[in-house]
Amino acid sequence: MRKGGPRREGNYTNPCLTMHQPWASLLVHGIKRIEGRSWPAPIRGRLWIHAASKVPDEATIKAMEDFYREIYAVNGITDLKFPEHYPVSRLLVGCVEVVGCLRCEELAQWEVLPEGVRLEGQTDFCWLCEQPKKLLIPFEMRGFQRVYNLEKKIYEAAVRGLVPVEGPAPVKFPLPNPRDPFSLKPGSISVSCPDSKASAVEQSSSLSAAIAGARAAATQFSKDSNLHKSTIQRSTPESTSSEVQTILVEDNGMPDSNLNEESVKANSASNPCGYFEEERSCSHNQSPAHLKQHPGAPSKIFAAALRGLKPS
């Protein structure tokens, strides 16, 4: 058994997720506690967060910061300190611990959670995140679709530069079965609390406006990203080397920053695996290509980190 107990299912060693800004930094700074996706979390434990290269505009940043101001205010927290910068240029910025995954409606009815946390769930699946940590020196690296493994040498350098972050209101999500790290999953709350019907959070006009604004910002961001081309690297079973492909990357959902989500939805009708194709490879015996570690050229920043986290 792996030290610390089983932490994930699937072929993941040091899983990483590429996100757009400002969502990436909001997550590793402990402000964002729910990562929303249209597919369930395939891992438990540490998830590295990588910021994509797309620069967010001021309107997007303002909409998301207003959203979090309002949902924290529901629980009386009004002194939020947002990141001073939202770095891009394809940087590894930190990590969180994924402790569970629920459907949006389950999160909304889970009355043991603060009202503000329940309001964060705005997408089909809600990844529950704890223990944020940020990197003292972000590493420049290439990102990939969905969840992928960090290259070993990047992980070994990055793990030395992590510092804990104290969010404005950290949440501890209770596991239905503390001995099973995967017990907090879609359907688990309705099974363990069948009569739980938490009252709906009363929304003020400012809260409703903030939620609508954040959704509109994410939608517009998604439309812009649909036309944004990004070069990604994929390892193919037919070749020992990696080939570079140019594909369309998309952003979908609120307040997450998913890559290539709508194309997954569009293909689900002809693909019996649906969202799980890349995560579990359905009934095929071959492992998905993206689960392999992806080599990449270390940047000067990364090379400096290997020498002791002191950039030249």
Protein backbone atom coordinates (compact mmCIF):
# COMPACT_ATOMS: atom_id res chain seq x y z
CA MET A 1 0.00 0.00 0.00
CA ARG A 2 1.23 3.49 -0.86
CA LYS A 3 2.39 5.54 2.10
CA GLY A 4 -0.57 7.42 3.52
CA GLY A 5 -3.11 4.95 2.12
CA PRO A 6 -4.80 4.73 -1.26
CA ARG A 7 -5.24 8.24 -2.62
CA ARG A 8 -6.47 7.89 -6.20
CA GLU A 9 -7.86 5.51 -8.76
CA GLY A 10 -6.53 5.21 -12.27
CA ASN A 11 -2.99 5.55 -13.55
CA TYR A 12 -1.97 8.76 -11.78
CA THR A 13 1.23 9.44 -9.87
CA ASN A 14 1.46 13.23 -9.55
CA PRO A 15 -1.82 14.42 -11.10
CA CYS A 16 -2.11 17.94 -12.46
CA LEU A 17 -4.94 20.01 -13.89
CA THR A 18 -4.56 22.98 -16.25
CA MET A 19 -6.92 25.86 -15.45
CA HIS A 20 -7.42 29.37 -16.74
CA GLN A 21 -6.87 32.43 -14.62
CA PRO A 22 -8.24 33.83 -12.36
CA TRP A 23 -9.69 30.45 -11.30
CA ALA A 24 -6.27 28.80 -10.89
CA SER A 25 -4.92 31.34 -8.39
CA LEU A 26 -8.23 31.63 -6.54
CA LEU A 27 -8.01 27.89 -5.91
CA VAL A 28 -4.41 27.71 -4.66
CA HIS A 29 -4.96 30.80 -2.48
CA GLY A 30 -7.77 29.02 -0.65
CA ILE A 31 -10.54 31.37 -1.76
CA LYS A 32 -12.07 28.92 -4.21
CA ARG A 33 -12.97 25.70 -2.39
CA ILE A 34 -15.05 24.00 -5.05
CA GLU A 35 -13.63 23.19 -8.48
CA GLY A 36 -16.55 22.71 -10.85
CA ARG A 37 -16.39 20.32 -13.80
CA SER A 38 -18.75 18.53 -16.14
CA TRP A 39 -17.07 15.22 -15.21
CA PRO A 40 -16.40 13.60 -11.82
CA ALA A 41 -13.01 13.79 -10.12
CA PRO A 42 -10.91 10.71 -11.02
CA ILE A 43 -8.45 11.22 -8.16
CA ARG A 44 -8.23 11.79 -4.43
CA GLY A 45 -5.30 13.47 -2.77
CA ARG A 46 -2.91 16.07 -4.08
CA LEU A 47 -3.81 17.78 -7.35
CA TRP A 48 -1.27 20.15 -8.87
CA ILE A 49 -2.67 23.30 -10.48
CA HIS A 50 -1.23 24.69 -13.70
CA ALA A 51 -2.23 28.10 -15.09
CA ALA A 52 -2.86 28.28 -18.84
CA SER A 53 -1.40 31.01 -21.02
CA LYS A 54 -4.61 32.95 -21.71
CA VAL A 55 -4.57 36.35 -20.00
CA PRO A 56 -7.85 37.18 -18.21
CA ASP A 57 -9.32 40.62 -18.81
CA GLU A 58 -10.13 42.99 -15.98
CA ALA A 59 -13.87 42.39 -16.34
CA THR A 60 -13.44 38.64 -15.80
CA ILE A 61 -11.27 39.16 -12.73
CA LYS A 62 -13.71 41.68 -11.27
CA ALA A 63 -16.72 39.40 -11.89
CA MET A 64 -15.07 36.45 -10.13
CA GLU A 65 -13.80 38.52 -7.22
CA ASP A 66 -17.29 40.03 -6.78
CA PHE A 67 -18.75 36.50 -6.84
CA TYR A 68 -16.51 35.36 -3.98
CA ARG A 69 -17.02 38.56 -1.99
CA GLU A 70 -20.76 37.96 -2.03
CA ILE A 71 -20.76 34.25 -1.18
CA TYR A 72 -18.31 34.79 1.70
CA ALA A 73 -20.43 37.69 2.94
CA VAL A 74 -23.30 35.22 3.39
CA ASN A 75 -21.30 33.78 6.28
CA GLY A 76 -20.20 37.15 7.60
CA ILE A 77 -16.71 37.21 6.05
CA THR A 78 -16.02 40.57 4.45
CA ASP A 79 -12.23 41.01 4.58
CA LEU A 80 -11.19 38.89 1.60
CA LYS A 81 -7.66 39.40 0.30
CA PHE A 82 -7.38 38.40 -3.33
CA PRO A 83 -4.12 37.56 -5.12
CA GLU A 84 -2.19 40.63 -6.21
CA HIS A 85 -1.41 38.97 -9.52
CA TYR A 86 -2.89 36.21 -11.66
CA PRO A 87 0.22 34.83 -13.41
CA VAL A 88 -0.14 33.11 -16.76
CA SER A 89 2.42 31.98 -19.37
CA ARG A 90 1.75 28.32 -18.60
CA LEU A 91 2.91 28.22 -14.99
CA LEU A 92 2.60 25.55 -12.31
CA VAL A 93 1.28 27.65 -9.41
CA GLY A 94 0.49 25.27 -6.52
CA CYS A 95 -1.72 22.40 -5.40
CA VAL A 96 -4.78 21.40 -3.38
CA GLU A 97 -6.05 18.18 -1.81
CA VAL A 98 -9.13 16.76 -3.54
CA VAL A 99 -11.08 14.98 -0.80
CA GLY A 100 -14.34 14.25 -2.61
CA CYS A 101 -16.68 14.90 -5.49
CA LEU A 102 -20.42 15.55 -5.44
CA ARG A 103 -23.11 16.56 -7.86
CA CYS A 104 -24.20 20.17 -7.67
CA GLU A 105 -27.60 19.37 -6.17
CA GLU A 106 -26.00 17.21 -3.46
CA LEU A 107 -23.63 19.99 -2.46
CA ALA A 108 -26.51 22.45 -2.30
CA GLN A 109 -28.47 20.24 0.14
CA TRP A 110 -25.53 19.25 2.37
CA GLU A 111 -26.53 21.25 5.41
CA VAL A 112 -23.33 20.54 7.40
CA LEU A 113 -21.52 22.97 5.10
CA PRO A 114 -21.59 26.77 5.36
CA GLU A 115 -24.07 28.41 3.02
CA GLY A 116 -21.31 30.12 1.07
CA VAL A 117 -19.66 26.81 0.20
CA ARG A 118 -22.96 25.41 -1.03
CA LEU A 119 -23.33 28.44 -3.29
CA GLU A 120 -19.99 27.71 -4.97
CA GLY A 121 -21.42 24.65 -6.71
CA GLN A 122 -22.54 25.90 -10.12
CA THR A 123 -21.59 22.97 -12.38
CA ASP A 124 -22.57 19.31 -12.79
CA PHE A 125 -19.76 17.90 -10.63
CA CYS A 126 -18.12 19.67 -7.69
CA TRP A 127 -14.58 18.69 -6.71
CA LEU A 128 -14.14 19.36 -2.97
CA CYS A 129 -10.75 20.93 -2.25
CA GLU A 130 -8.81 21.43 0.98
CA GLN A 131 -5.28 22.35 2.12
CA PRO A 132 -4.22 24.79 -0.61
CA LYS A 133 -0.51 25.39 -1.12
CA LYS A 134 1.24 27.78 -3.47
CA LEU A 135 4.67 27.69 -5.06
CA LEU A 136 7.19 30.31 -4.00
CA ILE A 137 8.49 30.25 -7.56
CA PRO A 138 5.95 29.16 -10.23
CA PHE A 139 7.40 26.74 -12.79
CA GLU A 140 6.95 27.30 -16.49
CA MET A 141 5.75 24.13 -18.19
CA ARG A 142 3.44 22.88 -20.91
CA GLY A 143 -0.15 22.04 -20.01
CA PHE A 144 -2.38 19.21 -21.21
CA GLN A 145 -6.04 18.33 -21.38
CA ARG A 146 -7.96 17.02 -18.38
CA VAL A 147 -5.96 15.38 -15.56
CA TYR A 148 -2.41 14.34 -16.43
CA ASN A 149 0.79 13.35 -14.64
CA LEU A 150 3.57 15.78 -13.86
CA GLU A 151 6.98 14.84 -15.13
CA LYS A 152 8.97 13.35 -12.25
CA LYS A 153 11.77 15.94 -12.27
CA ILE A 154 9.27 18.80 -12.26
CA TYR A 155 7.47 17.25 -9.30
CA GLU A 156 10.69 16.69 -7.35
CA ALA A 157 11.70 20.33 -7.75
CA ALA A 158 8.21 21.78 -7.20
CA VAL A 159 7.43 19.90 -4.01
CA ARG A 160 10.35 21.63 -2.26
CA GLY A 161 8.93 25.06 -3.00
CA LEU A 162 5.40 24.65 -1.60
CA VAL A 163 4.11 26.83 1.23
CA PRO A 164 0.75 26.35 2.99
CA VAL A 165 -1.95 28.94 2.40
CA GLU A 166 -4.51 29.92 5.02
CA GLY A 167 -7.72 30.70 3.18
CA PRO A 168 -10.32 33.12 4.56
CA ALA A 169 -12.61 30.26 5.66
CA PRO A 170 -11.06 26.78 5.29
CA VAL A 171 -13.57 23.94 5.10
CA LYS A 172 -13.17 20.37 6.30
CA PHE A 173 -15.43 18.10 4.24
CA PRO A 174 -16.43 15.10 6.40
CA LEU A 175 -16.05 11.70 4.74
CA PRO A 176 -18.99 9.26 5.08
CA ASN A 177 -16.37 6.55 5.67
CA PRO A 178 -13.07 7.95 7.00
CA ARG A 179 -11.32 4.70 6.04
CA ASP A 180 -12.33 5.06 2.39
CA PRO A 181 -10.88 8.15 0.65
CA PHE A 182 -13.35 7.64 -2.22
CA SER A 183 -16.44 7.46 0.01
CA LEU A 184 -17.35 11.10 -0.66
CA LYS A 185 -18.60 10.63 -4.20
CA PRO A 186 -21.69 11.37 -6.30
CA GLY A 187 -24.68 9.78 -4.58
CA SER A 188 -23.01 9.38 -1.18
CA ILE A 189 -24.74 12.31 0.49
CA SER A 190 -28.22 11.31 -0.64
CA VAL A 191 -27.54 7.78 0.64
CA SER A 192 -26.04 8.77 4.00
CA CYS A 193 -28.52 11.64 4.55
CA PRO A 194 -31.67 10.58 2.68
CA ASP A 195 -33.90 13.04 4.52
CA SER A 196 -31.51 15.96 4.30
CA LYS A 197 -33.23 18.91 2.69
CA ALA A 198 -31.26 21.98 3.54
CA SER A 199 -33.12 25.22 3.16
CA ALA A 200 -32.21 27.26 0.13
CA VAL A 201 -29.82 30.10 0.76
CA GLU A 202 -31.68 33.39 0.61
CA GLN A 203 -30.13 35.49 -2.11
CA SER A 204 -29.92 39.23 -1.89
CA SER A 205 -30.02 41.30 -5.04
CA SER A 206 -26.25 41.84 -4.87
CA LEU A 207 -25.62 38.11 -4.45
CA SER A 208 -27.88 37.23 -7.36
CA ALA A 209 -26.14 39.85 -9.49
CA ALA A 210 -22.71 38.49 -8.53
CA ILE A 211 -23.69 34.92 -9.45
CA ALA A 212 -25.12 36.09 -12.77
CA GLY A 213 -22.02 38.17 -13.44
CA ALA A 214 -19.67 35.29 -12.72
CA ARG A 215 -21.65 32.99 -15.01
CA ALA A 216 -21.63 35.58 -17.77
CA ALA A 217 -17.88 36.09 -17.38
CA ALA A 218 -17.20 32.36 -17.57
CA THR A 219 -19.48 32.00 -20.59
CA GLN A 220 -17.77 34.84 -22.43
CA PHE A 221 -14.38 33.43 -21.49
CA SER A 222 -15.48 30.10 -22.91
CA LYS A 223 -16.57 31.67 -26.21
CA ASP A 224 -13.25 33.48 -26.54
CA SER A 225 -11.32 30.29 -25.78
CA ASN A 226 -13.21 28.32 -28.41
CA LEU A 227 -11.27 30.23 -31.06
CA HIS A 228 -7.96 30.18 -29.20
CA LYS A 229 -5.46 27.65 -30.49
CA SER A 230 -3.01 26.04 -28.12
CA THR A 231 -0.18 23.66 -28.91
CA ILE A 232 -0.21 20.61 -26.70
CA GLN A 233 2.03 17.60 -26.52
CA ARG A 234 0.71 14.05 -26.63
CA SER A 235 2.51 10.76 -26.30
CA THR A 236 1.25 8.26 -28.85
CA PRO A 237 1.30 4.46 -28.51
CA GLU A 238 2.75 4.18 -32.02
CA SER A 239 5.80 6.29 -31.31
CA THR A 240 8.39 6.44 -28.57
CA SER A 241 8.69 10.18 -29.05
CA SER A 242 6.01 12.76 -28.41
CA GLU A 243 4.24 14.50 -31.23
CA VAL A 244 3.06 18.07 -31.10
CA GLN A 245 -0.51 18.77 -32.14
CA THR A 246 -2.44 22.02 -32.44
CA ILE A 247 -5.99 21.75 -31.20
CA LEU A 248 -8.82 23.99 -30.11
CA VAL A 249 -9.06 24.44 -26.37
CA GLU A 250 -12.33 25.40 -24.78
CA ASP A 251 -13.46 26.73 -21.46
CA ASN A 252 -16.80 25.76 -20.02
CA GLY A 253 -18.76 26.03 -16.83
CA MET A 254 -18.94 28.40 -13.89
CA PRO A 255 -16.79 29.03 -11.95
CA ASP A 256 -14.38 26.40 -13.34
CA SER A 257 -12.02 26.72 -16.26
CA ASN A 258 -12.31 23.40 -18.04
CA LEU A 259 -10.35 22.65 -21.16
CA ASN A 260 -12.08 21.03 -24.12
CA GLU A 261 -15.33 20.36 -22.26
CA GLU A 262 -17.87 21.15 -24.98
CA SER A 263 -16.09 18.93 -27.48
CA VAL A 264 -16.31 16.08 -24.96
CA LYS A 265 -20.04 16.68 -24.64
CA ALA A 266 -20.48 16.82 -28.41
CA ASN A 267 -18.73 13.49 -28.85
CA SER A 268 -20.54 11.71 -26.02
CA ALA A 269 -23.45 10.64 -28.24
CA SER A 270 -21.15 8.57 -30.46
CA ASN A 271 -18.82 7.56 -27.64
CA PRO A 272 -20.23 5.13 -25.06
CA CYS A 273 -17.50 6.15 -22.60
CA GLY A 274 -18.72 9.75 -22.44
CA TYR A 275 -16.71 11.88 -20.01
CA PHE A 276 -14.87 8.82 -18.73
CA GLU A 277 -13.08 7.96 -21.95
CA GLU A 278 -9.88 9.79 -21.09
CA GLU A 279 -10.07 8.96 -17.40
CA ARG A 280 -10.84 5.22 -17.43
CA SER A 281 -10.43 4.28 -21.11
CA CYS A 282 -13.85 2.58 -20.95
CA SER A 283 -13.70 -1.11 -21.95
CA HIS A 284 -10.53 -0.77 -23.99
CA ASN A 285 -7.43 -2.42 -22.59
CA GLN A 286 -5.00 0.21 -23.82
CA SER A 287 -4.13 2.95 -21.38
CA PRO A 288 -5.10 6.48 -22.46
CA ALA A 289 -2.15 8.28 -23.96
CA HIS A 290 -2.46 11.33 -21.74
CA LEU A 291 -1.87 9.33 -18.56
CA LYS A 292 1.81 8.95 -19.43
CA GLN A 293 4.31 11.40 -18.09
CA HIS A 294 4.91 14.11 -20.64
CA PRO A 295 8.45 15.31 -21.25
CA GLY A 296 8.96 19.01 -21.73
CA ALA A 297 11.83 21.44 -22.03
CA PRO A 298 12.52 22.97 -18.59
CA SER A 299 12.58 26.76 -18.58
CA LYS A 300 15.24 28.93 -17.00
CA ILE A 301 12.94 29.31 -14.01
CA PHE A 302 12.65 25.56 -13.64
CA ALA A 303 16.40 25.07 -14.07
CA ALA A 304 16.96 27.61 -11.32
CA ALA A 305 14.48 25.78 -9.10
CA LEU A 306 16.43 22.59 -9.54
CA ARG A 307 19.49 24.43 -8.22
CA GLY A 308 17.69 25.30 -5.00
CA LEU A 309 14.75 27.54 -5.93
CA LYS A 310 17.01 30.54 -6.59
CA PRO A 311 16.36 32.04 -10.03
CA SER A 312 19.36 33.53 -11.80
